[in-house]
């Protein structure tokens, strides 16, 4: 059985001044994923319960002027799921959004471990801008800790 591990990355490379960062990782065998392929498995589809939580979040924060994902008019190649694509490089995809209350980045990384094994990791990095951003982050953290491992586990889904 594959387990998902939690570590805490150094956020400075992805989002200077960040106050929160975490990294969940799992090991795969025989998948030969690219970072983009892994990001699509993790983010392009969501478990039903995650989709419902996201809908509730969007209903609650929409009237406050918070962004609710990628611009719907943006071309599909400029986003993965609801997340705008910021950059991609060998072994790493960076997605994220900047808003008035906080900025966040999601990094999906794939590292070759040899013998057909890969580590696939999803990191979340957040920089808050004000009291509202800090309160928002405190509210979503418990949900985040359930959602990210569930999303990452989709890498192993057939």
N, C-alpha and C. Protein backbone atom coordinates (compact mmCIF):
# COMPACT_ATOMS: atom_id res chain seq x y z
N UNK A 1 0.85 -1.19 0.00
CA UNK A 1 0.00 0.00 0.00
C UNK A 1 0.89 1.25 0.00
N UNK A 2 0.53 2.22 -0.80
CA UNK A 2 1.26 3.47 -0.89
C UNK A 2 0.72 4.43 0.16
N UNK A 3 1.63 5.12 0.84
CA UNK A 3 1.19 6.10 1.82
C UNK A 3 1.53 7.50 1.32
N UNK A 4 0.80 8.45 1.84
CA UNK A 4 1.03 9.86 1.51
C UNK A 4 1.71 10.48 2.71
N UNK A 5 2.86 11.10 2.47
CA UNK A 5 3.61 11.71 3.57
C UNK A 5 3.48 13.22 3.51
N UNK A 6 3.58 13.85 4.67
CA UNK A 6 3.50 15.30 4.79
C UNK A 6 4.84 15.83 5.24
N UNK A 7 5.35 16.83 4.53
CA UNK A 7 6.57 17.54 4.93
C UNK A 7 6.31 19.03 4.76
N UNK A 8 7.28 19.84 5.15
CA UNK A 8 7.12 21.28 5.05
C UNK A 8 8.27 21.86 4.23
N UNK A 9 7.98 22.30 3.01
CA UNK A 9 9.03 22.82 2.12
C UNK A 9 9.44 24.25 2.49
N UNK A 10 10.54 24.68 1.92
CA UNK A 10 10.95 26.08 2.02
C UNK A 10 10.18 26.84 0.94
N UNK A 11 9.28 27.75 1.32
CA UNK A 11 8.43 28.41 0.33
C UNK A 11 9.09 29.53 -0.46
N UNK A 12 10.26 29.98 -0.05
CA UNK A 12 10.84 31.18 -0.64
C UNK A 12 11.02 31.10 -2.15
N UNK A 13 11.36 29.95 -2.68
CA UNK A 13 11.58 29.84 -4.11
C UNK A 13 10.32 30.03 -4.93
N UNK A 14 9.17 29.69 -4.38
CA UNK A 14 7.92 29.77 -5.13
C UNK A 14 7.09 31.01 -4.82
N UNK A 15 7.20 31.50 -3.58
CA UNK A 15 6.38 32.64 -3.19
C UNK A 15 7.04 33.31 -1.99
N UNK A 16 7.87 34.29 -2.28
CA UNK A 16 8.62 34.98 -1.22
C UNK A 16 7.68 35.58 -0.19
N UNK A 17 8.04 35.44 1.08
CA UNK A 17 7.26 36.00 2.16
C UNK A 17 6.08 35.16 2.60
N UNK A 18 5.98 33.94 2.09
CA UNK A 18 4.84 33.08 2.43
C UNK A 18 4.84 32.74 3.92
N UNK A 19 3.64 32.61 4.47
CA UNK A 19 3.49 32.26 5.88
C UNK A 19 3.06 30.81 6.07
N UNK A 20 2.67 30.14 5.00
CA UNK A 20 2.21 28.74 5.13
C UNK A 20 2.74 27.95 3.95
N UNK A 21 3.19 26.74 4.23
CA UNK A 21 3.61 25.83 3.17
C UNK A 21 3.49 24.41 3.67
N UNK A 22 3.02 23.53 2.82
CA UNK A 22 3.06 22.11 3.12
C UNK A 22 3.31 21.34 1.84
N UNK A 23 3.69 20.07 2.00
CA UNK A 23 4.03 19.23 0.85
C UNK A 23 3.61 17.81 1.16
N UNK A 24 2.74 17.27 0.33
CA UNK A 24 2.31 15.88 0.44
C UNK A 24 2.94 15.12 -0.72
N UNK A 25 3.41 13.91 -0.45
CA UNK A 25 4.08 13.13 -1.49
C UNK A 25 3.69 11.66 -1.40
N UNK A 26 3.73 11.00 -2.54
CA UNK A 26 3.54 9.55 -2.59
C UNK A 26 4.50 8.98 -3.62
N UNK A 27 4.69 7.68 -3.56
CA UNK A 27 5.58 6.99 -4.49
C UNK A 27 4.73 6.14 -5.43
N UNK A 28 5.04 6.22 -6.71
CA UNK A 28 4.33 5.43 -7.72
C UNK A 28 5.29 4.42 -8.32
N UNK A 29 4.72 3.41 -8.95
CA UNK A 29 5.53 2.42 -9.66
C UNK A 29 4.94 2.21 -11.05
N UNK A 30 5.80 2.29 -12.05
CA UNK A 30 5.42 1.96 -13.41
C UNK A 30 4.54 2.95 -14.14
N UNK A 31 4.44 4.17 -13.67
CA UNK A 31 3.57 5.14 -14.34
C UNK A 31 4.30 6.04 -15.33
N UNK A 32 5.57 6.32 -15.13
CA UNK A 32 6.36 7.18 -16.02
C UNK A 32 5.65 8.51 -16.30
N UNK A 33 5.27 9.22 -15.24
CA UNK A 33 4.55 10.47 -15.37
C UNK A 33 5.47 11.65 -15.61
N UNK A 34 5.00 12.60 -16.40
CA UNK A 34 5.63 13.92 -16.47
C UNK A 34 4.99 14.76 -15.37
N UNK A 35 5.56 15.91 -15.08
CA UNK A 35 4.96 16.79 -14.09
C UNK A 35 3.57 17.25 -14.55
N UNK A 36 3.44 17.55 -15.83
CA UNK A 36 2.13 17.97 -16.36
C UNK A 36 1.12 16.82 -16.26
N UNK A 37 1.54 15.63 -16.59
CA UNK A 37 0.65 14.47 -16.48
C UNK A 37 0.22 14.25 -15.04
N UNK A 38 1.15 14.38 -14.10
CA UNK A 38 0.81 14.22 -12.68
C UNK A 38 -0.14 15.33 -12.24
N UNK A 39 0.14 16.58 -12.65
CA UNK A 39 -0.73 17.69 -12.27
C UNK A 39 -2.15 17.48 -12.80
N UNK A 40 -2.26 16.97 -14.01
CA UNK A 40 -3.60 16.70 -14.56
C UNK A 40 -4.31 15.61 -13.77
N UNK A 41 -3.59 14.57 -13.36
CA UNK A 41 -4.21 13.52 -12.55
C UNK A 41 -4.64 14.06 -11.19
N UNK A 42 -3.86 14.95 -10.62
CA UNK A 42 -4.15 15.50 -9.29
C UNK A 42 -5.27 16.54 -9.35
N UNK A 43 -5.23 17.45 -10.32
CA UNK A 43 -6.08 18.64 -10.29
C UNK A 43 -7.19 18.73 -11.33
N UNK A 44 -7.11 17.97 -12.40
CA UNK A 44 -8.09 18.15 -13.48
C UNK A 44 -9.47 17.63 -13.12
N UNK A 45 -9.52 16.69 -12.21
CA UNK A 45 -10.82 16.18 -11.76
C UNK A 45 -10.78 16.18 -10.23
N UNK A 46 -11.95 16.27 -9.63
CA UNK A 46 -11.99 16.29 -8.18
C UNK A 46 -12.99 15.25 -7.68
N UNK A 47 -12.71 14.68 -6.52
CA UNK A 47 -13.73 13.82 -5.91
C UNK A 47 -15.01 14.64 -5.69
N UNK A 48 -16.12 13.98 -5.75
CA UNK A 48 -17.41 14.68 -5.66
C UNK A 48 -17.50 15.54 -4.39
N UNK A 49 -17.06 15.01 -3.27
CA UNK A 49 -17.16 15.77 -2.01
C UNK A 49 -16.29 17.03 -2.05
N UNK A 50 -15.16 16.97 -2.74
CA UNK A 50 -14.29 18.14 -2.87
C UNK A 50 -14.97 19.17 -3.76
N UNK A 51 -15.59 18.72 -4.83
CA UNK A 51 -16.32 19.62 -5.72
C UNK A 51 -17.44 20.35 -4.98
N UNK A 52 -18.12 19.64 -4.11
CA UNK A 52 -19.21 20.27 -3.34
C UNK A 52 -18.66 21.30 -2.35
N UNK A 53 -17.56 20.96 -1.69
CA UNK A 53 -16.93 21.93 -0.79
C UNK A 53 -16.49 23.18 -1.55
N UNK A 54 -15.95 22.98 -2.74
CA UNK A 54 -15.50 24.11 -3.56
C UNK A 54 -16.69 24.98 -3.96
N UNK A 55 -17.80 24.35 -4.33
CA UNK A 55 -19.00 25.12 -4.67
C UNK A 55 -19.49 25.95 -3.48
N UNK A 56 -19.48 25.35 -2.29
CA UNK A 56 -19.89 26.08 -1.09
C UNK A 56 -18.95 27.25 -0.81
N UNK A 57 -17.66 27.01 -0.96
CA UNK A 57 -16.67 28.06 -0.76
C UNK A 57 -16.93 29.21 -1.72
N UNK A 58 -17.14 28.88 -2.99
CA UNK A 58 -17.36 29.92 -4.00
C UNK A 58 -18.63 30.71 -3.74
N UNK A 59 -19.69 30.04 -3.28
CA UNK A 59 -20.92 30.75 -2.93
C UNK A 59 -20.68 31.70 -1.76
N UNK A 60 -19.89 31.28 -0.80
CA UNK A 60 -19.65 32.09 0.40
C UNK A 60 -18.74 33.28 0.11
N UNK A 61 -17.71 33.09 -0.71
CA UNK A 61 -16.72 34.16 -0.89
C UNK A 61 -16.94 35.00 -2.14
N UNK A 62 -17.75 34.53 -3.06
CA UNK A 62 -18.02 35.31 -4.27
C UNK A 62 -18.50 36.72 -3.97
N UNK A 63 -19.48 36.88 -3.06
CA UNK A 63 -19.95 38.24 -2.75
C UNK A 63 -18.88 39.12 -2.09
N UNK A 64 -17.82 38.52 -1.56
CA UNK A 64 -16.74 39.30 -0.94
C UNK A 64 -15.71 39.75 -1.97
N UNK A 65 -15.89 39.34 -3.22
CA UNK A 65 -14.98 39.75 -4.27
C UNK A 65 -13.75 38.86 -4.42
N UNK A 66 -13.75 37.68 -3.80
CA UNK A 66 -12.61 36.77 -3.95
C UNK A 66 -12.72 36.04 -5.28
N UNK A 67 -11.57 35.74 -5.86
CA UNK A 67 -11.53 34.98 -7.10
C UNK A 67 -11.95 33.54 -6.81
N UNK A 68 -12.59 32.93 -7.78
CA UNK A 68 -13.08 31.56 -7.59
C UNK A 68 -12.45 30.58 -8.56
N UNK A 69 -11.26 30.90 -9.04
CA UNK A 69 -10.55 30.00 -9.94
C UNK A 69 -10.07 30.72 -11.17
N UNK A 70 -9.63 29.95 -12.13
CA UNK A 70 -9.13 30.51 -13.38
C UNK A 70 -10.26 31.24 -14.11
N UNK A 71 -9.88 32.23 -14.88
CA UNK A 71 -10.83 32.96 -15.71
C UNK A 71 -11.52 31.95 -16.62
N UNK A 72 -12.87 31.86 -16.56
CA UNK A 72 -13.56 30.87 -17.38
C UNK A 72 -13.32 31.04 -18.88
N UNK A 73 -12.97 32.24 -19.31
CA UNK A 73 -12.69 32.48 -20.72
C UNK A 73 -11.26 32.14 -21.11
N UNK A 74 -10.44 31.77 -20.13
CA UNK A 74 -9.03 31.45 -20.41
C UNK A 74 -8.95 30.15 -21.21
N UNK A 75 -8.01 30.06 -22.14
CA UNK A 75 -7.89 28.83 -22.92
C UNK A 75 -7.53 27.66 -22.01
N UNK A 76 -8.02 26.47 -22.34
CA UNK A 76 -7.79 25.29 -21.48
C UNK A 76 -6.31 25.02 -21.19
N UNK A 77 -5.43 25.33 -22.11
CA UNK A 77 -4.01 25.06 -21.90
C UNK A 77 -3.38 26.01 -20.88
N UNK A 78 -4.11 27.04 -20.46
CA UNK A 78 -3.58 27.98 -19.48
C UNK A 78 -4.02 27.66 -18.05
N UNK A 79 -4.65 26.50 -17.87
CA UNK A 79 -5.08 26.10 -16.54
C UNK A 79 -5.16 24.58 -16.45
N UNK A 80 -5.15 24.10 -15.24
CA UNK A 80 -5.42 22.69 -14.96
C UNK A 80 -6.53 22.68 -13.93
N UNK A 81 -7.66 22.13 -14.29
CA UNK A 81 -8.83 22.21 -13.42
C UNK A 81 -9.18 23.68 -13.26
N UNK A 82 -9.32 24.11 -12.02
CA UNK A 82 -9.66 25.51 -11.75
C UNK A 82 -8.44 26.38 -11.52
N UNK A 83 -7.25 25.79 -11.60
CA UNK A 83 -6.03 26.51 -11.24
C UNK A 83 -5.30 27.06 -12.47
N UNK A 84 -5.03 28.36 -12.48
CA UNK A 84 -4.25 28.94 -13.57
C UNK A 84 -2.81 28.42 -13.56
N UNK A 85 -2.31 28.09 -14.74
CA UNK A 85 -0.94 27.62 -14.90
C UNK A 85 0.00 28.82 -14.91
N UNK A 86 0.99 28.81 -14.02
CA UNK A 86 1.97 29.90 -13.95
C UNK A 86 3.22 29.53 -14.72
N UNK A 87 3.73 28.34 -14.49
CA UNK A 87 4.93 27.92 -15.21
C UNK A 87 5.05 26.40 -15.18
N UNK A 88 5.89 25.92 -16.08
CA UNK A 88 6.21 24.49 -16.08
C UNK A 88 7.65 24.32 -16.52
N UNK A 89 8.29 23.34 -15.91
CA UNK A 89 9.68 23.03 -16.21
C UNK A 89 9.82 21.52 -16.06
N UNK A 90 10.98 21.01 -16.39
CA UNK A 90 11.24 19.59 -16.24
C UNK A 90 10.96 19.18 -14.79
N UNK A 91 9.99 18.31 -14.60
CA UNK A 91 9.71 17.77 -13.28
C UNK A 91 8.87 18.64 -12.37
N UNK A 92 8.40 19.80 -12.85
CA UNK A 92 7.67 20.70 -11.95
C UNK A 92 6.66 21.57 -12.71
N UNK A 93 5.46 21.66 -12.16
CA UNK A 93 4.41 22.53 -12.67
C UNK A 93 4.01 23.45 -11.52
N UNK A 94 3.89 24.75 -11.81
CA UNK A 94 3.48 25.72 -10.81
C UNK A 94 2.15 26.34 -11.25
N UNK A 95 1.18 26.26 -10.37
CA UNK A 95 -0.13 26.86 -10.60
C UNK A 95 -0.40 27.82 -9.46
N UNK A 96 -1.35 28.71 -9.64
CA UNK A 96 -1.67 29.59 -8.53
C UNK A 96 -2.49 30.78 -8.94
N UNK A 97 -2.72 31.61 -7.95
CA UNK A 97 -3.59 32.75 -8.14
C UNK A 97 -3.19 33.82 -7.13
N UNK A 98 -3.23 35.06 -7.54
CA UNK A 98 -2.99 36.19 -6.65
C UNK A 98 -4.32 36.91 -6.46
N UNK A 99 -4.65 37.20 -5.21
CA UNK A 99 -5.91 37.88 -4.91
C UNK A 99 -5.64 38.95 -3.87
N UNK A 100 -6.63 39.72 -3.52
CA UNK A 100 -6.43 40.83 -2.61
C UNK A 100 -6.17 40.37 -1.18
N UNK A 101 -6.63 39.20 -0.81
CA UNK A 101 -6.46 38.72 0.56
C UNK A 101 -5.26 37.80 0.74
N UNK A 102 -4.92 37.04 -0.33
CA UNK A 102 -3.77 36.17 -0.28
C UNK A 102 -3.36 35.73 -1.68
N UNK A 103 -2.13 35.27 -1.79
CA UNK A 103 -1.62 34.66 -3.02
C UNK A 103 -1.30 33.21 -2.67
N UNK A 104 -1.49 32.31 -3.62
CA UNK A 104 -1.11 30.93 -3.35
C UNK A 104 -0.48 30.30 -4.58
N UNK A 105 0.33 29.31 -4.33
CA UNK A 105 0.93 28.51 -5.38
C UNK A 105 0.72 27.04 -5.05
N UNK A 106 0.47 26.27 -6.08
CA UNK A 106 0.42 24.81 -5.98
C UNK A 106 1.52 24.29 -6.88
N UNK A 107 2.44 23.54 -6.32
CA UNK A 107 3.53 22.95 -7.08
C UNK A 107 3.27 21.46 -7.17
N UNK A 108 3.31 20.93 -8.36
CA UNK A 108 3.25 19.48 -8.55
C UNK A 108 4.59 19.09 -9.14
N UNK A 109 5.28 18.20 -8.42
CA UNK A 109 6.62 17.80 -8.82
C UNK A 109 6.71 16.29 -8.95
N UNK A 110 7.51 15.87 -9.92
CA UNK A 110 7.76 14.45 -10.14
C UNK A 110 9.26 14.23 -10.14
N UNK A 111 9.70 13.30 -9.30
CA UNK A 111 11.13 12.97 -9.22
C UNK A 111 11.31 11.48 -9.48
N UNK A 112 12.26 11.15 -10.35
CA UNK A 112 12.56 9.75 -10.65
C UNK A 112 13.33 9.14 -9.50
N UNK A 113 12.86 8.01 -9.00
CA UNK A 113 13.52 7.31 -7.91
C UNK A 113 14.28 6.08 -8.39
N UNK A 114 14.19 5.80 -9.70
CA UNK A 114 14.85 4.61 -10.26
C UNK A 114 13.96 3.39 -10.16
N UNK A 115 14.31 2.38 -10.92
CA UNK A 115 13.58 1.10 -10.94
C UNK A 115 12.08 1.29 -11.22
N UNK A 116 11.74 2.28 -12.08
CA UNK A 116 10.34 2.50 -12.45
C UNK A 116 9.51 3.20 -11.38
N UNK A 117 10.15 3.71 -10.35
CA UNK A 117 9.44 4.38 -9.27
C UNK A 117 9.62 5.90 -9.39
N UNK A 118 8.59 6.63 -9.00
CA UNK A 118 8.62 8.09 -8.99
C UNK A 118 8.00 8.60 -7.70
N UNK A 119 8.51 9.73 -7.23
CA UNK A 119 7.84 10.44 -6.16
C UNK A 119 7.03 11.55 -6.82
N UNK A 120 5.75 11.61 -6.48
CA UNK A 120 4.87 12.68 -6.95
C UNK A 120 4.49 13.49 -5.72
N UNK A 121 4.74 14.79 -5.77
CA UNK A 121 4.48 15.65 -4.62
C UNK A 121 3.60 16.83 -5.03
N UNK A 122 2.76 17.24 -4.09
CA UNK A 122 1.93 18.43 -4.26
C UNK A 122 2.21 19.34 -3.07
N UNK A 123 2.72 20.53 -3.36
CA UNK A 123 3.01 21.53 -2.33
C UNK A 123 2.04 22.69 -2.47
N UNK A 124 1.63 23.23 -1.35
CA UNK A 124 0.80 24.43 -1.33
C UNK A 124 1.56 25.49 -0.55
N UNK A 125 1.63 26.67 -1.11
CA UNK A 125 2.36 27.78 -0.50
C UNK A 125 1.45 29.00 -0.51
N UNK A 126 1.31 29.65 0.65
CA UNK A 126 0.36 30.76 0.77
C UNK A 126 1.02 31.96 1.42
N UNK A 127 0.77 33.11 0.82
CA UNK A 127 1.21 34.39 1.39
C UNK A 127 -0.04 35.23 1.61
N UNK A 128 -0.31 35.57 2.86
CA UNK A 128 -1.48 36.39 3.16
C UNK A 128 -1.10 37.88 3.09
N UNK A 129 -2.11 38.71 2.81
CA UNK A 129 -1.87 40.14 2.66
C UNK A 129 -2.47 40.99 3.78
N UNK A 130 -3.42 40.42 4.51
CA UNK A 130 -4.14 41.22 5.49
C UNK A 130 -4.84 40.32 6.50
N UNK A 131 -5.54 40.90 7.44
CA UNK A 131 -6.24 40.15 8.48
C UNK A 131 -7.26 39.19 7.87
N UNK A 132 -7.96 39.63 6.84
CA UNK A 132 -8.94 38.75 6.20
C UNK A 132 -8.24 37.53 5.61
N UNK A 133 -7.10 37.72 4.96
CA UNK A 133 -6.36 36.60 4.40
C UNK A 133 -5.90 35.63 5.46
N UNK A 134 -5.45 36.12 6.60
CA UNK A 134 -5.02 35.24 7.69
C UNK A 134 -6.21 34.47 8.27
N UNK A 135 -7.35 35.15 8.42
CA UNK A 135 -8.56 34.47 8.91
C UNK A 135 -9.04 33.42 7.91
N UNK A 136 -9.03 33.78 6.65
CA UNK A 136 -9.44 32.84 5.60
C UNK A 136 -8.55 31.59 5.62
N UNK A 137 -7.25 31.79 5.71
CA UNK A 137 -6.32 30.67 5.75
C UNK A 137 -6.58 29.79 6.96
N UNK A 138 -6.82 30.38 8.11
CA UNK A 138 -7.11 29.60 9.32
C UNK A 138 -8.38 28.76 9.16
N UNK A 139 -9.37 29.31 8.47
CA UNK A 139 -10.63 28.59 8.26
C UNK A 139 -10.46 27.42 7.30
N UNK A 140 -9.69 27.62 6.23
CA UNK A 140 -9.60 26.56 5.22
C UNK A 140 -8.56 25.49 5.53
N UNK A 141 -7.62 25.75 6.44
CA UNK A 141 -6.56 24.77 6.72
C UNK A 141 -7.07 23.38 7.07
N UNK A 142 -8.06 23.23 7.94
CA UNK A 142 -8.53 21.87 8.23
C UNK A 142 -9.07 21.15 7.00
N UNK A 143 -9.74 21.87 6.12
CA UNK A 143 -10.25 21.28 4.89
C UNK A 143 -9.11 20.95 3.94
N UNK A 144 -8.15 21.85 3.86
CA UNK A 144 -6.98 21.67 3.02
C UNK A 144 -6.27 20.36 3.37
N UNK A 145 -6.14 20.08 4.66
CA UNK A 145 -5.43 18.88 5.13
C UNK A 145 -6.16 17.59 4.74
N UNK A 146 -7.44 17.67 4.43
CA UNK A 146 -8.19 16.51 3.94
C UNK A 146 -8.19 16.46 2.41
N UNK A 147 -8.30 17.63 1.80
CA UNK A 147 -8.47 17.71 0.35
C UNK A 147 -7.20 17.34 -0.40
N UNK A 148 -6.05 17.90 -0.01
CA UNK A 148 -4.82 17.67 -0.78
C UNK A 148 -4.45 16.19 -0.84
N UNK A 149 -4.44 15.45 0.28
CA UNK A 149 -4.13 14.02 0.16
C UNK A 149 -5.13 13.27 -0.72
N UNK A 150 -6.41 13.64 -0.65
CA UNK A 150 -7.42 12.99 -1.50
C UNK A 150 -7.15 13.28 -2.98
N UNK A 151 -6.79 14.50 -3.28
CA UNK A 151 -6.49 14.87 -4.66
C UNK A 151 -5.21 14.17 -5.14
N UNK A 152 -4.20 14.15 -4.29
CA UNK A 152 -2.94 13.51 -4.66
C UNK A 152 -3.12 12.02 -4.89
N UNK A 153 -3.97 11.38 -4.13
CA UNK A 153 -4.23 9.95 -4.29
C UNK A 153 -4.77 9.61 -5.67
N UNK A 154 -5.34 10.60 -6.36
CA UNK A 154 -5.87 10.36 -7.70
C UNK A 154 -4.79 10.02 -8.70
N UNK A 155 -3.53 10.31 -8.37
CA UNK A 155 -2.42 9.95 -9.24
C UNK A 155 -2.43 8.44 -9.48
N UNK A 156 -2.83 7.68 -8.48
CA UNK A 156 -2.80 6.23 -8.57
C UNK A 156 -4.07 5.64 -9.20
N UNK A 157 -5.10 6.47 -9.40
CA UNK A 157 -6.35 5.98 -9.99
C UNK A 157 -6.14 5.63 -11.46
N UNK A 158 -6.76 4.60 -11.88
CA UNK A 158 -6.64 4.15 -13.27
C UNK A 158 -7.53 4.96 -14.17
